[in-house]
Amino acid sequence: MTPMQESLCRMTCWKVLRSSAGRYATPGELPGSGWVDARVPGTVAEALRLADPDAGLQGLDDDDWWYRAELPTGQASRLLVRFDGLAGQAEIWTDHKRIADQHNMFVPLEVAVDTRSGGHLWICFRSLSRTLQEKYRRPRWKSALVSHQQLRRVRQTICGRAPGGTTPAPIGPWRDVLA
C-alpha cells in the first residue's frame, strides 16, 4: 500500500447480510434490517462471531452474503477501488449497477467507482454450494482431500471445506480494500 492509498476499510463502516442462495438478484431488493457490523478485511464467520459468540458457523457456503459500505463523497468524481482478496464468487455493485465479478480469491481486482452522488458499494458473495451444483465434465482423477470433487474448478481455498476441518470456510473480503 502506498502512502497515497487509503484503506476503504477504515474510511467507512461495513455491514453484512445473510440471504438464502439466489433470493436477491440486485442490491435494490435487499431488506433494510438484518444487517450485522463487519470488519474488513475479515470474513463472514468473524462478523457472525462478533455479533453473536454462540452463532453456528456451519453451512456458510449454502447462502449468499451481501456486504455494503457507504462510499466517501467530496474527493474525486471517480474512485479506483482495489480489492486485494475476495474469498467467494463475488459480484461488485455500486448504485444498483453490477460493475465487476471476481471468482479467484488470490488475485486482486481494481474497479473504477463513480462517487459524485455518494451511494453504496455492495459485494455479493454467491453461494458456493449452488455454484458447485453446475455440471462440469467428469474429472480425470478424484481427490480424497475434498468432499465435493467440483471444488477444484473454482479458485477458492479448501480450508474449511476439507473433511475433518474445524475452521469455517473463509467467505468475504479477507484482504484489504483500498481506495
Foldseek 3Di string as FASTA:
>chain_A
DDPPKDFVQVVWWKWKAKDAFPPDPWPVPDDPDRIFTDGPVDFPVVRVCVVPVPDDQPPPLRIKMKMKIWADDDDDQKDKKKQQFFAAFKWKDWPRHTFDTDFARHHMDIDIDGCHPTTMIMMMHGRPVVVLPDDDPDDPDADLQAPRRCVVVTNHDCAQGGPPHDDHGGGGSNHTMID
